[in-house]
Amino acid sequence: MSSNFNTFQKRRLTSSYFSVIISIALVLFMVGVLGLVLLKSTKVANHFKEKVAINLFLKDDVSKEQIDKFRASLQEEAFAKRIVYISKKQAARDYSREIGEDFLTFLGGNPLKNGIDIYLKADFVTSEKMLALEKKFNKNLFVADVSYDKPLIELLTKNIQKIRFWLFILCGFFALIAILLINSSIRLTIYSKRFNIKTMQMVGATKSFIRKPFLWRSIQLGMIGAFISLIGLAVIIYYLDKFIPVLGLLKDYITLLYLVSGVIASAFIITLLSTLLATQRFLNLQTDELYY
């Protein structure tokens, strides 16, 4: 009879541990996915920002040698990601291809100007910084006109700020859910041992001595759950990198390090705090309160 009861207790305890591990793994997986989105949102935003260009239209009297020197000086500027020179002949060919006919035959000449497209680094794609660059280039002796899509820049900046704000809110919300769910699972596991805790306390065991095995067990369960969640995240990252290679997930070692460290640290901290709070509660209970 005693053997059957012990077997039942062991199975019940194993089932409890299994449920804790699964709960931790699922919650950390969700948090990890959101963390990945948050970490990569900057790269995605920068990718779109670096598609924005300032168009410089050069004066007709600027020589080829002066243009080459000007291009070289622009390439050394802190704001320049990529410099593309478009001659007036190339611009005419592109425009003719776009409209489907040779407009030069009607005009008798080429009214277009030589141009330089400056693709900016992401940090400089803001309304304020691009306005400052516009003023700077308008003072340049080689530049006849400066052009860029101002409404697009304003819309891009506002949308990126909104997306980041709501991502932070969403991550915070799921982090709170993670804490509550993991805490609840660990509390249920320790609840099943409340009589053992009280018995140890009654025979003179110190609180730190009683807590130690619970803390160690919870941290172990947390690490196992974190490991399972990281396997799930690895699968997600592999397929995302395969179908959206522009994100460069597998080559972004810093983001991967942040993600792995964040998942492991979250598992450790949440399980540690949850176990401390749960054991403290049962250590403070009176004997007659253990039945409620």
Protein backbone atom coordinates (compact mmCIF):
# COMPACT_ATOMS: atom_id res chain seq x y z
CA MET A 1 0.00 0.00 0.00
CA SER A 2 2.80 2.36 0.99
CA SER A 3 4.69 1.47 -2.20
CA ASN A 4 1.67 2.31 -4.36
CA PHE A 5 1.19 5.63 -2.58
CA ASN A 6 4.87 6.57 -3.05
CA THR A 7 4.64 5.67 -6.74
CA PHE A 8 1.53 7.82 -7.07
CA GLN A 9 3.28 10.73 -5.33
CA LYS A 10 6.32 10.43 -7.59
CA ARG A 11 4.13 10.42 -10.70
CA ARG A 12 2.18 13.40 -9.43
CA LEU A 13 5.41 15.28 -8.70
CA THR A 14 6.86 14.42 -12.10
CA SER A 15 3.66 15.62 -13.76
CA SER A 16 3.85 18.84 -11.76
CA TYR A 17 7.47 19.43 -12.80
CA PHE A 18 6.59 18.69 -16.42
CA SER A 19 3.75 21.24 -16.38
CA VAL A 20 6.09 23.87 -14.87
CA ILE A 21 8.71 23.24 -17.58
CA ILE A 22 6.13 23.45 -20.39
CA SER A 23 4.63 26.64 -18.91
CA ILE A 24 8.05 28.27 -18.63
CA ALA A 25 9.07 27.14 -22.13
CA LEU A 26 5.88 28.42 -23.81
CA VAL A 27 5.91 31.76 -22.02
CA LEU A 28 9.62 32.35 -22.65
CA PHE A 29 9.12 31.39 -26.29
CA MET A 30 6.45 34.07 -26.71
CA VAL A 31 8.58 36.63 -24.91
CA GLY A 32 11.58 35.60 -27.04
CA VAL A 33 9.64 36.05 -30.28
CA LEU A 34 8.51 39.52 -29.20
CA GLY A 35 12.04 40.33 -28.08
CA LEU A 36 13.35 39.27 -31.49
CA VAL A 37 10.78 41.49 -33.23
CA LEU A 38 11.74 44.40 -30.98
CA LEU A 39 15.46 43.91 -31.53
CA LYS A 40 15.10 43.56 -35.30
CA SER A 41 12.58 46.39 -35.64
CA THR A 42 15.52 48.81 -35.58
CA LYS A 43 17.26 46.95 -38.42
CA VAL A 44 14.04 46.82 -40.46
CA ALA A 45 13.42 50.53 -39.85
CA ASN A 46 17.02 51.33 -40.81
CA HIS A 47 16.65 49.25 -43.98
CA PHE A 48 13.74 51.42 -45.13
CA LYS A 49 15.41 54.64 -43.99
CA GLU A 50 18.54 53.90 -46.01
CA LYS A 51 16.43 53.71 -49.17
CA VAL A 52 15.78 57.45 -48.83
CA ALA A 53 17.98 59.76 -50.89
CA ILE A 54 18.69 63.46 -51.19
CA ASN A 55 18.90 64.46 -54.87
CA LEU A 56 21.46 67.11 -55.74
CA PHE A 57 21.08 68.74 -59.19
CA LEU A 58 24.38 70.24 -60.35
CA LYS A 59 24.95 73.44 -62.27
CA ASP A 60 25.70 73.12 -66.00
CA ASP A 61 29.09 74.81 -65.72
CA VAL A 62 30.47 72.28 -63.25
CA SER A 63 33.23 70.24 -64.94
CA LYS A 64 33.65 66.45 -64.82
CA GLU A 65 36.77 66.84 -62.69
CA GLN A 66 34.91 69.04 -60.18
CA ILE A 67 32.06 66.54 -60.05
CA ASP A 68 34.48 63.68 -59.30
CA LYS A 69 36.11 65.64 -56.47
CA PHE A 70 32.70 66.62 -55.10
CA ARG A 71 31.55 62.98 -55.16
CA ALA A 72 34.71 61.89 -53.35
CA SER A 73 34.22 64.52 -50.65
CA LEU A 74 30.58 63.46 -50.17
CA GLN A 75 31.56 59.82 -49.75
CA GLU A 76 33.74 60.79 -46.77
CA GLU A 77 30.88 62.58 -44.99
CA ALA A 78 29.44 60.95 -41.86
CA PHE A 79 25.88 61.03 -43.23
CA ALA A 80 26.64 59.27 -46.55
CA LYS A 81 25.75 55.60 -46.94
CA ARG A 82 26.02 55.44 -50.73
CA ILE A 83 26.66 57.98 -53.49
CA VAL A 84 25.21 57.53 -56.98
CA TYR A 85 26.08 59.88 -59.85
CA ILE A 86 23.52 60.21 -62.65
CA SER A 87 24.59 62.13 -65.74
CA LYS A 88 22.08 64.22 -67.65
CA LYS A 89 22.30 61.73 -70.55
CA GLN A 90 21.52 58.80 -68.25
CA ALA A 91 18.68 60.78 -66.66
CA ALA A 92 17.22 61.46 -70.12
CA ARG A 93 17.39 57.78 -71.08
CA ASP A 94 15.73 56.75 -67.81
CA TYR A 95 12.96 59.33 -68.21
CA SER A 96 12.34 58.36 -71.85
CA ARG A 97 12.07 54.72 -70.80
CA GLU A 98 9.66 55.69 -68.04
CA ILE A 99 7.27 57.68 -70.25
CA GLY A 100 7.66 55.33 -73.23
CA GLU A 101 8.89 57.87 -75.77
CA ASP A 102 11.93 59.98 -76.57
CA PHE A 103 11.04 63.45 -75.27
CA LEU A 104 14.34 64.91 -76.55
CA THR A 105 13.10 64.82 -80.16
CA PHE A 106 10.28 67.22 -79.20
CA LEU A 107 12.43 69.57 -77.13
CA GLY A 108 15.49 69.58 -79.37
CA GLY A 109 17.81 69.43 -76.36
CA ASN A 110 18.29 67.98 -72.91
CA PRO A 111 16.86 70.23 -70.16
CA LEU A 112 17.88 67.81 -67.38
CA LYS A 113 20.89 68.31 -65.15
CA ASN A 114 23.68 66.12 -63.87
CA GLY A 115 22.71 64.79 -60.48
CA ILE A 116 24.04 63.06 -57.41
CA ASP A 117 21.81 60.88 -55.23
CA ILE A 118 23.00 60.69 -51.63
CA TYR A 119 21.59 57.69 -49.78
CA LEU A 120 21.83 58.57 -46.12
CA LYS A 121 22.71 56.48 -43.08
CA ALA A 122 19.65 55.67 -41.00
CA ASP A 123 20.56 58.02 -38.12
CA PHE A 124 20.38 61.01 -40.46
CA VAL A 125 16.95 60.22 -41.93
CA THR A 126 14.90 62.61 -39.82
CA SER A 127 13.04 65.77 -40.83
CA GLU A 128 15.38 68.00 -38.81
CA LYS A 129 18.68 66.52 -40.02
CA MET A 130 17.60 66.36 -43.66
CA LEU A 131 16.44 69.97 -43.52
CA ALA A 132 19.88 70.94 -42.17
CA LEU A 133 21.53 69.02 -45.03
CA GLU A 134 19.26 70.73 -47.55
CA LYS A 135 20.32 74.16 -46.27
CA LYS A 136 23.96 73.11 -46.34
CA PHE A 137 23.84 71.91 -49.97
CA ASN A 138 21.88 74.93 -51.15
CA LYS A 139 24.93 77.02 -50.18
CA ASN A 140 27.27 74.83 -52.22
CA LEU A 141 28.64 76.49 -55.38
CA PHE A 142 28.20 73.33 -57.47
CA VAL A 143 24.55 72.69 -56.54
CA ALA A 144 21.68 74.21 -58.50
CA ASP A 145 18.85 72.58 -56.54
CA VAL A 146 18.20 70.10 -53.72
CA SER A 147 15.26 67.72 -53.63
CA TYR A 148 13.92 64.97 -51.39
CA ASP A 149 10.52 63.58 -50.42
CA LYS A 150 9.64 65.59 -47.27
CA PRO A 151 6.15 64.08 -46.71
CA LEU A 152 7.64 60.57 -46.98
CA ILE A 153 10.30 61.37 -44.35
CA GLU A 154 7.70 62.74 -41.92
CA LEU A 155 5.39 59.76 -42.47
CA LEU A 156 8.25 57.27 -42.10
CA THR A 157 9.48 58.85 -38.87
CA LYS A 158 6.00 58.96 -37.29
CA ASN A 159 5.14 55.38 -38.26
CA ILE A 160 8.44 54.00 -36.94
CA GLN A 161 7.92 55.80 -33.62
CA LYS A 162 4.37 54.43 -33.33
CA ILE A 163 5.44 50.87 -34.14
CA ARG A 164 8.28 50.99 -31.59
CA PHE A 165 5.97 52.39 -28.90
CA TRP A 166 3.37 49.65 -29.34
CA LEU A 167 6.05 46.96 -29.51
CA PHE A 168 7.39 48.14 -26.14
CA ILE A 169 3.85 48.06 -24.70
CA LEU A 170 3.23 44.58 -26.11
CA CYS A 171 6.57 43.24 -24.82
CA GLY A 172 5.86 44.70 -21.38
CA PHE A 173 2.40 43.11 -21.34
CA PHE A 174 3.71 39.67 -22.28
CA ALA A 175 6.57 39.99 -19.81
CA LEU A 176 3.98 40.60 -17.07
CA ILE A 177 1.98 37.55 -18.22
CA ALA A 178 5.19 35.51 -18.21
CA ILE A 179 5.93 36.47 -14.61
CA LEU A 180 2.38 35.67 -13.47
CA LEU A 181 2.16 32.32 -15.26
CA ILE A 182 5.57 31.07 -14.18
CA ASN A 183 4.97 32.30 -10.64
CA SER A 184 1.61 30.50 -10.54
CA SER A 185 3.11 27.22 -11.80
CA ILE A 186 5.94 27.30 -9.25
CA ARG A 187 3.56 28.20 -6.42
CA LEU A 188 1.41 25.17 -7.25
CA THR A 189 4.48 22.92 -7.17
CA ILE A 190 5.60 24.26 -3.79
CA TYR A 191 2.01 24.10 -2.47
CA SER A 192 2.10 20.31 -2.86
CA LYS A 193 5.12 20.29 -0.51
CA ARG A 194 3.70 22.64 2.13
CA PHE A 195 3.42 19.89 4.76
CA ASN A 196 7.05 18.89 4.21
CA ILE A 197 8.08 22.53 4.62
CA LYS A 198 6.19 22.86 7.90
CA THR A 199 7.54 19.52 9.20
CA MET A 200 11.14 20.60 8.48
CA GLN A 201 10.46 23.92 10.16
CA MET A 202 9.04 22.23 13.27
CA VAL A 203 12.15 20.04 13.74
CA GLY A 204 14.38 23.10 13.75
CA ALA A 205 15.48 23.54 10.13
CA THR A 206 16.37 27.13 9.21
CA LYS A 207 14.50 29.01 6.50
CA SER A 208 17.56 29.17 4.24
CA PHE A 209 18.09 25.41 4.59
CA ILE A 210 14.44 24.73 3.69
CA ARG A 211 14.50 27.14 0.73
CA LYS A 212 17.73 25.83 -0.81
CA PRO A 213 16.40 22.61 -2.47
CA PHE A 214 13.30 24.45 -3.73
CA LEU A 215 15.42 27.23 -5.21
CA TRP A 216 17.80 24.81 -6.85
CA ARG A 217 14.95 22.70 -8.28
CA SER A 218 13.08 25.75 -9.62
CA ILE A 219 16.21 27.14 -11.26
CA GLN A 220 16.81 23.75 -12.88
CA LEU A 221 13.25 23.66 -14.20
CA GLY A 222 13.63 27.26 -15.42
CA MET A 223 16.84 26.44 -17.31
CA ILE A 224 15.24 23.38 -18.92
CA GLY A 225 12.25 25.51 -19.95
CA ALA A 226 14.60 28.20 -21.30
CA PHE A 227 16.53 25.59 -23.30
CA ILE A 228 13.30 24.26 -24.86
CA SER A 229 12.14 27.79 -25.72
CA LEU A 230 15.53 28.54 -27.33
CA ILE A 231 15.16 25.45 -29.53
CA GLY A 232 11.78 26.79 -30.70
CA LEU A 233 13.27 30.23 -31.31
CA ALA A 234 16.16 28.69 -33.26
CA VAL A 235 13.67 27.01 -35.62
CA ILE A 236 11.77 30.29 -36.09
CA ILE A 237 15.00 32.23 -36.73
CA TYR A 238 16.23 29.61 -39.23
CA TYR A 239 13.07 29.80 -41.36
CA LEU A 240 12.84 33.59 -41.09
CA ASP A 241 16.43 33.88 -42.30
CA LYS A 242 15.62 31.49 -45.14
CA PHE A 243 12.52 33.34 -46.37
CA ILE A 244 13.52 36.92 -45.38
CA PRO A 245 17.31 36.96 -45.91
CA VAL A 246 17.44 40.77 -45.83
CA LEU A 247 17.09 40.60 -42.02
CA GLY A 248 20.37 38.69 -41.77
CA LEU A 249 19.24 36.94 -38.59
CA LEU A 250 21.80 34.12 -38.55
CA LYS A 251 24.68 36.55 -39.13
CA ASP A 252 23.52 39.08 -36.54
CA TYR A 253 25.47 37.59 -33.63
CA ILE A 254 24.88 40.55 -31.32
CA THR A 255 21.09 40.26 -31.60
CA LEU A 256 21.28 36.49 -31.12
CA LEU A 257 23.48 36.97 -28.04
CA TYR A 258 21.02 39.50 -26.58
CA LEU A 259 18.12 37.13 -27.29
CA VAL A 260 19.75 34.05 -25.71
CA SER A 261 21.00 36.05 -22.72
CA GLY A 262 17.57 37.65 -22.23
CA VAL A 263 15.71 34.32 -22.28
CA ILE A 264 18.15 32.64 -19.85
CA ALA A 265 18.27 35.66 -17.54
CA SER A 266 14.44 35.90 -17.54
CA ALA A 267 14.09 32.22 -16.68
CA PHE A 268 16.63 32.50 -13.85
CA ILE A 269 15.29 35.72 -12.31
CA ILE A 270 11.57 34.86 -12.55
CA THR A 271 11.95 31.33 -11.15
CA LEU A 272 14.26 32.54 -8.38
CA LEU A 273 11.94 35.35 -7.26
CA SER A 274 8.81 33.20 -7.61
CA THR A 275 10.32 30.45 -5.48
CA LEU A 276 11.53 32.88 -2.81
CA LEU A 277 8.08 34.46 -2.52
CA ALA A 278 6.21 31.13 -2.54
CA THR A 279 8.44 29.45 0.07
CA GLN A 280 8.29 32.55 2.26
CA ARG A 281 4.51 32.42 2.19
CA PHE A 282 4.35 28.79 3.30
CA LEU A 283 7.09 29.27 5.89
CA ASN A 284 4.98 31.99 7.50
CA LEU A 285 1.76 29.93 7.59
CA GLN A 286 0.47 28.48 10.83
CA THR A 287 -0.09 24.72 10.99
CA ASP A 288 -3.89 24.99 10.90
CA GLU A 289 -3.69 27.24 7.82
CA LEU A 290 -2.00 24.56 5.70
CA TYR A 291 -5.38 22.94 4.97
CA TYR A 292 -6.82 26.02 3.25
